[in-house]
Every structure is written in structure tokens, then in C-alpha cells.
Amino acid sequence: MPEFVPQIIMIVALFAIMYFMLIRPQKKKDDEVRKMRESLKVGDEILTIGGIYGKVVRIKDDRLTIQVGADRTKIDIAKWAVNNIEKPTEGKGGKDAAEDRKVTPKNMKKLGEKAEAEVEEAVAEVVEDAQE
């Protein structure tokens, strides 16, 4: 076997590893982002790459008009500037789930009670494991 064959095999293996570790995952991620941006529709709540939250009010080619703030200011942005579509909580939570996210004394008490119960369960598990 010639001397250069192992070197060629190593180079091919290196390219294969780079493809499966770097190039392929990046292409998958790019496809997901492209599909997300193509699925935008009027009424979607979005987050831009600049950190602006807004609601889509108009879509035209590669531009979006979003409505932001309490005074409903409209801003035109490029479609590529959309970072994420914010999913509203639906189903069993609905409006109550949005209320739970607000920081109020009542919710702080609920969170405290929930945390205490979780700590008590964890301590009970540790004690049980120590007894065994």
C-alpha cells in the first residue's frame, strides 16, 4: 500500500467529522429558523433580535410591520430580524397562567409554599436514602 493512502483516509475522515459535527447541525438550525419566519402571520407576538417585543400587524414580502408599546407605535422591520415567535399560554392555563407569571404578594406566597413542599420532598428522599 502506498504511503499517501493513510493520509488521504485521515483527510477524508476529518472532513466527514466536520460535516457531521458542524455543517449539518447548522443547516438544520437554519432551516428551522427559515420555516419559523415563513410561518409568521398577522397577530403573532414576536421578539426581534434587538430585544423588541411586538405584535405583527402587516406582512409584505420580506418586511413586517409590528405594533409595540402601550401607545401602539408601529415599526417596520425586516423579516430576518425576527428572533422568536412568542407562544401565548393556551389550554389549561390560559389567562390564569399569565396571572401566575405576575409578581404579586399572593403569587409569591404560592411560589414559597410550592418551594417549601419541594424542599420537604427532597429532604425526605435524602433521609430515606441515608436510612437504607
N, C-alpha and C. Protein backbone atom coordinates (compact mmCIF):
# COMPACT_ATOMS: atom_id res chain seq x y z
N MET A 1 0.85 -1.17 0.00
CA MET A 1 0.00 0.00 0.00
C MET A 1 0.90 1.24 0.00
N PRO A 2 0.60 2.20 -0.88
CA PRO A 2 1.42 3.41 -0.96
C PRO A 2 1.36 4.22 0.33
N GLU A 3 2.36 5.06 0.53
CA GLU A 3 2.50 5.84 1.76
C GLU A 3 1.39 6.88 1.94
N PHE A 4 0.86 7.42 0.87
CA PHE A 4 -0.09 8.53 0.96
C PHE A 4 -1.53 8.08 1.22
N VAL A 5 -1.83 6.81 1.12
CA VAL A 5 -3.21 6.33 1.32
C VAL A 5 -3.70 6.60 2.74
N PRO A 6 -2.93 6.31 3.78
CA PRO A 6 -3.43 6.63 5.14
C PRO A 6 -3.66 8.13 5.34
N GLN A 7 -2.85 8.95 4.72
CA GLN A 7 -3.04 10.39 4.84
C GLN A 7 -4.33 10.83 4.18
N ILE A 8 -4.63 10.27 3.02
CA ILE A 8 -5.88 10.59 2.33
C ILE A 8 -7.08 10.13 3.16
N ILE A 9 -6.97 8.95 3.75
CA ILE A 9 -8.06 8.43 4.59
C ILE A 9 -8.27 9.36 5.79
N MET A 10 -7.21 9.85 6.40
CA MET A 10 -7.33 10.76 7.54
C MET A 10 -7.99 12.08 7.12
N ILE A 11 -7.63 12.60 5.97
CA ILE A 11 -8.23 13.85 5.49
C ILE A 11 -9.72 13.66 5.22
N VAL A 12 -10.08 12.55 4.57
CA VAL A 12 -11.49 12.27 4.30
C VAL A 12 -12.25 12.10 5.62
N ALA A 13 -11.67 11.40 6.58
CA ALA A 13 -12.31 11.23 7.89
C ALA A 13 -12.49 12.57 8.59
N LEU A 14 -11.50 13.43 8.49
CA LEU A 14 -11.60 14.76 9.10
C LEU A 14 -12.75 15.56 8.49
N PHE A 15 -12.87 15.53 7.16
CA PHE A 15 -13.98 16.24 6.51
C PHE A 15 -15.33 15.65 6.90
N ALA A 16 -15.40 14.32 7.02
CA ALA A 16 -16.65 13.68 7.42
C ALA A 16 -17.04 14.10 8.83
N ILE A 17 -16.07 14.13 9.73
CA ILE A 17 -16.34 14.55 11.11
C ILE A 17 -16.80 16.01 11.14
N MET A 18 -16.13 16.86 10.39
CA MET A 18 -16.53 18.28 10.36
C MET A 18 -17.94 18.42 9.80
N TYR A 19 -18.27 17.63 8.78
CA TYR A 19 -19.61 17.73 8.20
C TYR A 19 -20.67 17.37 9.24
N PHE A 20 -20.48 16.23 9.91
CA PHE A 20 -21.50 15.76 10.85
C PHE A 20 -21.51 16.54 12.16
N MET A 21 -20.42 17.18 12.52
CA MET A 21 -20.37 17.91 13.78
C MET A 21 -20.66 19.40 13.62
N LEU A 22 -20.36 19.98 12.47
CA LEU A 22 -20.51 21.42 12.30
C LEU A 22 -21.50 21.82 11.23
N ILE A 23 -21.32 21.34 10.04
CA ILE A 23 -22.10 21.81 8.89
C ILE A 23 -23.55 21.34 8.95
N ARG A 24 -23.76 20.06 9.17
CA ARG A 24 -25.12 19.50 9.16
C ARG A 24 -26.01 20.10 10.25
N PRO A 25 -25.56 20.19 11.52
CA PRO A 25 -26.42 20.81 12.54
C PRO A 25 -26.75 22.27 12.24
N GLN A 26 -25.79 23.01 11.69
CA GLN A 26 -26.04 24.41 11.36
C GLN A 26 -27.10 24.53 10.27
N LYS A 27 -27.04 23.64 9.27
CA LYS A 27 -28.06 23.67 8.21
C LYS A 27 -29.44 23.37 8.78
N LYS A 28 -29.52 22.41 9.70
CA LYS A 28 -30.81 22.09 10.32
C LYS A 28 -31.36 23.29 11.08
N LYS A 29 -30.48 23.95 11.83
CA LYS A 29 -30.91 25.11 12.60
C LYS A 29 -31.37 26.23 11.67
N ASP A 30 -30.64 26.47 10.58
CA ASP A 30 -31.02 27.49 9.62
C ASP A 30 -32.37 27.19 8.99
N ASP A 31 -32.62 25.90 8.68
CA ASP A 31 -33.91 25.51 8.11
C ASP A 31 -35.06 25.76 9.09
N GLU A 32 -34.83 25.45 10.37
CA GLU A 32 -35.87 25.69 11.37
C GLU A 32 -36.18 27.17 11.49
N VAL A 33 -35.16 28.00 11.50
CA VAL A 33 -35.36 29.45 11.61
C VAL A 33 -36.09 29.97 10.37
N ARG A 34 -35.71 29.48 9.20
CA ARG A 34 -36.36 29.91 7.96
C ARG A 34 -37.85 29.52 7.98
N LYS A 35 -38.15 28.29 8.41
CA LYS A 35 -39.55 27.85 8.49
C LYS A 35 -40.34 28.69 9.50
N MET A 36 -39.70 29.03 10.63
CA MET A 36 -40.36 29.85 11.65
C MET A 36 -40.70 31.21 11.07
N ARG A 37 -39.76 31.81 10.35
CA ARG A 37 -40.00 33.14 9.78
C ARG A 37 -41.03 33.08 8.66
N GLU A 38 -41.08 31.99 7.90
CA GLU A 38 -42.09 31.85 6.85
C GLU A 38 -43.48 31.61 7.43
N SER A 39 -43.55 31.07 8.64
CA SER A 39 -44.85 30.76 9.24
C SER A 39 -45.46 31.96 9.98
N LEU A 40 -44.78 33.09 9.97
CA LEU A 40 -45.32 34.28 10.63
C LEU A 40 -46.66 34.67 10.03
N LYS A 41 -47.57 35.08 10.88
CA LYS A 41 -48.86 35.56 10.41
C LYS A 41 -49.28 36.75 11.26
N VAL A 42 -50.22 37.49 10.74
CA VAL A 42 -50.71 38.68 11.45
C VAL A 42 -51.30 38.23 12.79
N GLY A 43 -50.92 38.93 13.84
CA GLY A 43 -51.41 38.62 15.17
C GLY A 43 -50.39 37.90 16.03
N ASP A 44 -49.31 37.40 15.43
CA ASP A 44 -48.28 36.71 16.20
C ASP A 44 -47.52 37.69 17.07
N GLU A 45 -47.21 37.27 18.29
CA GLU A 45 -46.35 38.04 19.18
C GLU A 45 -44.93 37.59 18.90
N ILE A 46 -44.02 38.53 18.64
CA ILE A 46 -42.65 38.18 18.28
C ILE A 46 -41.64 38.90 19.16
N LEU A 47 -40.41 38.39 19.11
CA LEU A 47 -39.27 39.03 19.74
C LEU A 47 -38.24 39.24 18.64
N THR A 48 -37.77 40.47 18.48
CA THR A 48 -36.77 40.75 17.45
C THR A 48 -35.37 40.46 17.98
N ILE A 49 -34.40 40.43 17.08
CA ILE A 49 -33.02 40.19 17.51
C ILE A 49 -32.49 41.36 18.32
N GLY A 50 -33.16 42.49 18.26
CA GLY A 50 -32.77 43.66 19.05
C GLY A 50 -33.43 43.69 20.41
N GLY A 51 -34.27 42.69 20.72
CA GLY A 51 -34.90 42.61 22.03
C GLY A 51 -36.23 43.35 22.12
N ILE A 52 -36.85 43.66 20.99
CA ILE A 52 -38.13 44.38 20.99
C ILE A 52 -39.26 43.36 20.86
N TYR A 53 -40.20 43.42 21.78
CA TYR A 53 -41.39 42.58 21.71
C TYR A 53 -42.46 43.35 20.95
N GLY A 54 -43.17 42.67 20.07
CA GLY A 54 -44.22 43.34 19.32
C GLY A 54 -45.21 42.35 18.75
N LYS A 55 -46.26 42.90 18.17
CA LYS A 55 -47.32 42.09 17.56
C LYS A 55 -47.33 42.41 16.08
N VAL A 56 -47.33 41.37 15.25
CA VAL A 56 -47.32 41.55 13.80
C VAL A 56 -48.68 42.07 13.36
N VAL A 57 -48.68 43.21 12.63
CA VAL A 57 -49.92 43.77 12.14
C VAL A 57 -50.00 43.75 10.61
N ARG A 58 -48.83 43.58 9.94
CA ARG A 58 -48.85 43.51 8.48
C ARG A 58 -47.59 42.79 8.00
N ILE A 59 -47.77 41.97 6.97
CA ILE A 59 -46.65 41.26 6.37
C ILE A 59 -46.64 41.58 4.89
N LYS A 60 -45.49 42.03 4.40
CA LYS A 60 -45.36 42.34 2.98
C LYS A 60 -43.98 41.91 2.53
N ASP A 61 -43.92 40.86 1.71
CA ASP A 61 -42.68 40.31 1.18
C ASP A 61 -41.70 40.00 2.33
N ASP A 62 -40.59 40.72 2.38
CA ASP A 62 -39.59 40.46 3.41
C ASP A 62 -39.61 41.51 4.52
N ARG A 63 -40.73 42.23 4.64
CA ARG A 63 -40.88 43.25 5.69
C ARG A 63 -42.09 42.94 6.55
N LEU A 64 -41.98 43.33 7.80
CA LEU A 64 -43.09 43.19 8.75
C LEU A 64 -43.36 44.55 9.37
N THR A 65 -44.60 44.79 9.68
CA THR A 65 -44.95 45.95 10.49
C THR A 65 -45.41 45.39 11.83
N ILE A 66 -44.73 45.83 12.89
CA ILE A 66 -45.09 45.36 14.22
C ILE A 66 -45.59 46.52 15.05
N GLN A 67 -46.42 46.18 16.01
CA GLN A 67 -47.01 47.17 16.92
C GLN A 67 -46.37 46.95 18.28
N VAL A 68 -45.81 48.02 18.85
CA VAL A 68 -45.11 47.89 20.13
C VAL A 68 -45.60 48.93 21.11
N GLY A 69 -45.45 48.63 22.38
CA GLY A 69 -45.73 49.59 23.44
C GLY A 69 -47.20 49.83 23.70
N ALA A 70 -47.45 50.57 24.77
CA ALA A 70 -48.81 50.89 25.18
C ALA A 70 -49.48 51.86 24.22
N ASP A 71 -48.68 52.71 23.56
CA ASP A 71 -49.26 53.67 22.62
C ASP A 71 -49.39 53.09 21.21
N ARG A 72 -49.10 51.79 21.08
CA ARG A 72 -49.27 51.04 19.82
C ARG A 72 -48.49 51.66 18.65
N THR A 73 -47.26 51.98 18.89
CA THR A 73 -46.38 52.50 17.85
C THR A 73 -46.11 51.40 16.84
N LYS A 74 -46.14 51.75 15.56
CA LYS A 74 -45.89 50.76 14.52
C LYS A 74 -44.48 50.95 13.98
N ILE A 75 -43.77 49.82 13.83
CA ILE A 75 -42.39 49.83 13.36
C ILE A 75 -42.28 48.84 12.21
N ASP A 76 -41.61 49.24 11.13
CA ASP A 76 -41.31 48.32 10.03
C ASP A 76 -39.97 47.67 10.31
N ILE A 77 -39.92 46.35 10.20
CA ILE A 77 -38.66 45.63 10.38
C ILE A 77 -38.50 44.61 9.26
N ALA A 78 -37.28 44.15 9.07
CA ALA A 78 -37.02 43.08 8.10
C ALA A 78 -37.42 41.75 8.71
N LYS A 79 -37.86 40.84 7.87
CA LYS A 79 -38.29 39.53 8.35
C LYS A 79 -37.14 38.78 9.03
N TRP A 80 -35.92 38.99 8.54
CA TRP A 80 -34.78 38.28 9.12
C TRP A 80 -34.47 38.75 10.54
N ALA A 81 -35.05 39.87 10.97
CA ALA A 81 -34.80 40.40 12.31
C ALA A 81 -35.66 39.74 13.37
N VAL A 82 -36.54 38.83 12.98
CA VAL A 82 -37.38 38.13 13.95
C VAL A 82 -36.54 37.02 14.58
N ASN A 83 -36.44 37.05 15.89
CA ASN A 83 -35.65 36.05 16.61
C ASN A 83 -36.52 34.89 17.06
N ASN A 84 -37.75 35.18 17.46
CA ASN A 84 -38.58 34.15 18.06
C ASN A 84 -40.05 34.55 17.97
N ILE A 85 -40.91 33.56 17.82
CA ILE A 85 -42.35 33.78 17.93
C ILE A 85 -42.71 33.39 19.35
N GLU A 86 -43.22 34.35 20.09
CA GLU A 86 -43.59 34.10 21.48
C GLU A 86 -44.90 33.35 21.50
N LYS A 87 -44.90 32.18 22.10
CA LYS A 87 -46.10 31.35 22.17
C LYS A 87 -46.95 31.79 23.34
N PRO A 88 -48.20 32.19 23.08
CA PRO A 88 -49.08 32.51 24.20
C PRO A 88 -49.44 31.24 24.94
N THR A 89 -49.62 31.34 26.26
CA THR A 89 -50.01 30.16 27.02
C THR A 89 -51.47 29.89 26.77
N GLU A 90 -51.73 28.70 26.26
CA GLU A 90 -53.09 28.31 25.93
C GLU A 90 -53.42 27.02 26.66
N GLY A 91 -54.63 26.56 26.48
CA GLY A 91 -55.02 25.28 27.04
C GLY A 91 -55.48 25.42 28.46
N LYS A 92 -54.90 24.57 29.34
CA LYS A 92 -55.39 24.54 30.71
C LYS A 92 -55.08 25.80 31.49
N GLY A 93 -53.98 26.50 31.15
CA GLY A 93 -53.60 27.70 31.89
C GLY A 93 -54.37 28.92 31.43
N GLY A 94 -54.20 29.27 30.16
CA GLY A 94 -54.87 30.44 29.60
C GLY A 94 -54.54 31.70 30.34
N LYS A 95 -55.56 32.47 30.68
CA LYS A 95 -55.39 33.75 31.36
C LYS A 95 -54.80 33.56 32.76
N ASP A 96 -55.17 32.46 33.42
CA ASP A 96 -54.66 32.21 34.76
C ASP A 96 -53.15 32.02 34.75
N ALA A 97 -52.62 31.38 33.69
CA ALA A 97 -51.18 31.18 33.60
C ALA A 97 -50.46 32.52 33.47
N ALA A 98 -51.05 33.44 32.74
CA ALA A 98 -50.45 34.77 32.61
C ALA A 98 -50.50 35.49 33.95
N GLU A 99 -51.55 35.29 34.70
CA GLU A 99 -51.66 35.89 36.02
C GLU A 99 -50.60 35.33 36.97
N ASP A 100 -50.31 34.02 36.84
CA ASP A 100 -49.32 33.39 37.71
C ASP A 100 -47.92 33.94 37.49
N ARG A 101 -47.65 34.46 36.29
CA ARG A 101 -46.33 34.99 35.99
C ARG A 101 -46.12 36.37 36.59
N LYS A 102 -47.19 37.06 36.95
CA LYS A 102 -47.05 38.37 37.56
C LYS A 102 -46.53 38.23 38.98
N VAL A 103 -45.68 39.14 39.38
CA VAL A 103 -45.12 39.10 40.73
C VAL A 103 -46.03 39.91 41.64
N THR A 104 -46.79 39.20 42.43
CA THR A 104 -47.68 39.82 43.40
C THR A 104 -47.46 39.11 44.74
N PRO A 105 -47.86 39.73 45.83
CA PRO A 105 -47.69 39.05 47.13
C PRO A 105 -48.39 37.68 47.16
N LYS A 106 -49.56 37.60 46.54
CA LYS A 106 -50.30 36.35 46.53
C LYS A 106 -49.51 35.27 45.79
N ASN A 107 -48.97 35.63 44.63
CA ASN A 107 -48.21 34.66 43.85
C ASN A 107 -46.90 34.30 44.54
N MET A 108 -46.27 35.27 45.21
CA MET A 108 -45.05 34.98 45.95
C MET A 108 -45.33 33.95 47.05
N LYS A 109 -46.48 34.09 47.69
CA LYS A 109 -46.85 33.13 48.73
C LYS A 109 -47.04 31.75 48.14
N LYS A 110 -47.71 31.67 46.97
CA LYS A 110 -47.90 30.38 46.29
C LYS A 110 -46.56 29.76 45.94
N LEU A 111 -45.66 30.57 45.37
CA LEU A 111 -44.35 30.07 44.99
C LEU A 111 -43.56 29.61 46.20
N GLY A 112 -43.67 30.35 47.30
CA GLY A 112 -42.98 29.97 48.53
C GLY A 112 -43.48 28.65 49.07
N GLU A 113 -44.81 28.46 49.06
CA GLU A 113 -45.39 27.21 49.54
C GLU A 113 -44.97 26.05 48.64
N LYS A 114 -44.95 26.30 47.35
CA LYS A 114 -44.55 25.26 46.41
C LYS A 114 -43.09 24.88 46.62
N ALA A 115 -42.24 25.89 46.81
CA ALA A 115 -40.82 25.63 47.03
C ALA A 115 -40.61 24.88 48.34
N GLU A 116 -41.34 25.25 49.39
CA GLU A 116 -41.22 24.56 50.66
C GLU A 116 -41.59 23.09 50.51
N ALA A 117 -42.67 22.81 49.78
CA ALA A 117 -43.11 21.43 49.57
C ALA A 117 -42.04 20.64 48.80
N GLU A 118 -41.43 21.27 47.80
CA GLU A 118 -40.39 20.59 47.04
C GLU A 118 -39.17 20.30 47.90
N VAL A 119 -38.80 21.24 48.76
CA VAL A 119 -37.65 21.05 49.66
C VAL A 119 -37.95 19.92 50.64
N GLU A 120 -39.16 19.90 51.18
CA GLU A 120 -39.53 18.84 52.12
C GLU A 120 -39.47 17.47 51.45
N GLU A 121 -39.93 17.38 50.20
CA GLU A 121 -39.87 16.11 49.47
C GLU A 121 -38.42 15.69 49.25
N ALA A 122 -37.58 16.64 48.88
CA ALA A 122 -36.16 16.33 48.62
C ALA A 122 -35.49 15.87 49.91
N VAL A 123 -35.78 16.53 51.04
CA VAL A 123 -35.19 16.14 52.33
C VAL A 123 -35.66 14.75 52.70
N ALA A 124 -36.93 14.46 52.50
CA ALA A 124 -37.47 13.15 52.82
C ALA A 124 -36.77 12.06 51.98
N GLU A 125 -36.51 12.34 50.72
CA GLU A 125 -35.82 11.37 49.86
C GLU A 125 -34.39 11.14 50.36
N VAL A 126 -33.70 12.21 50.73
CA VAL A 126 -32.33 12.09 51.21
C VAL A 126 -32.29 11.28 52.51
N VAL A 127 -33.21 11.57 53.41
CA VAL A 127 -33.26 10.85 54.67
C VAL A 127 -33.56 9.38 54.42
N GLU A 128 -34.47 9.10 53.52
CA GLU A 128 -34.83 7.71 53.19
C GLU A 128 -33.63 6.98 52.60
N ASP A 129 -32.90 7.67 51.71
CA ASP A 129 -31.72 7.05 51.10
C ASP A 129 -30.64 6.81 52.16
N ALA A 130 -30.49 7.70 53.12
CA ALA A 130 -29.48 7.57 54.16
C ALA A 130 -29.82 6.41 55.09
N GLN A 131 -31.10 6.17 55.32
CA GLN A 131 -31.51 5.07 56.20
C GLN A 131 -31.28 3.72 55.55
N GLU A 132 -31.27 3.67 54.24
CA GLU A 132 -31.06 2.40 53.54
C GLU A 132 -29.65 2.06 53.51
